[in-house]
Amino acid sequence: MTEPQIETRAAQPYLGVTATVTMTSFHLVADRIGEIIGLIVGRGGNLAGAPFFRYHVIDMAGELVVEAGVPTAEPMTGEGDITPGELPAGRYVTLTHTGHPDQLIEVTENLLTWAEKQNLTWDRRTSDRGEHWGSRLESFLTNPQEEPDMTKWSTQLAFRLAD
């Protein structure tokens, strides 16, 4: 795992699918990434980064509002429940983890603890539905078709800081 870093990012267009899921039904949104890539490529669009999950609302014991997305070089129109979006510009805390995706819960907890010790403030608010994040991403840097060993997968976490 890399050390956390703060980086400034520009706004990034993407196409994505949003769903309300639980930890046991997460695959309902995760399995849509291939379809999103197919739509972009099928329309002659260009990918502009790794596929990601964007966590809009998190209640680990209940429901999560999660978006599976793929960055695009230019804004594109959606189709059906695949809709355009834009990741907001701003300062993000990032780190890259190489290992099984099951380890991401612990990696995320460590990142949140690190940021607290640094007195950093996240772009988030809390409600009775859970934590609402302005931009909390897990980007998948490894293509599973090229590297089937999940213990070798690299995932970048990028959580937006409050302005």
Foldseek 3Di string as FASTA:
>chain_A
DFDKDKDWDAKFKKKKAKDKDAPVRVCVRVVCLVVRVCVQVVVVWAFDAFWKKWWFFDDNVHITIIMTITTTPDHDQADDRTGMDMQHTAMKIKDKDQFAPVCVVVVVVVVVVVCVVVVFAFQWDADPRGIGASTWMKGWPDDCVVPVHRGGTMIMIITHTDD
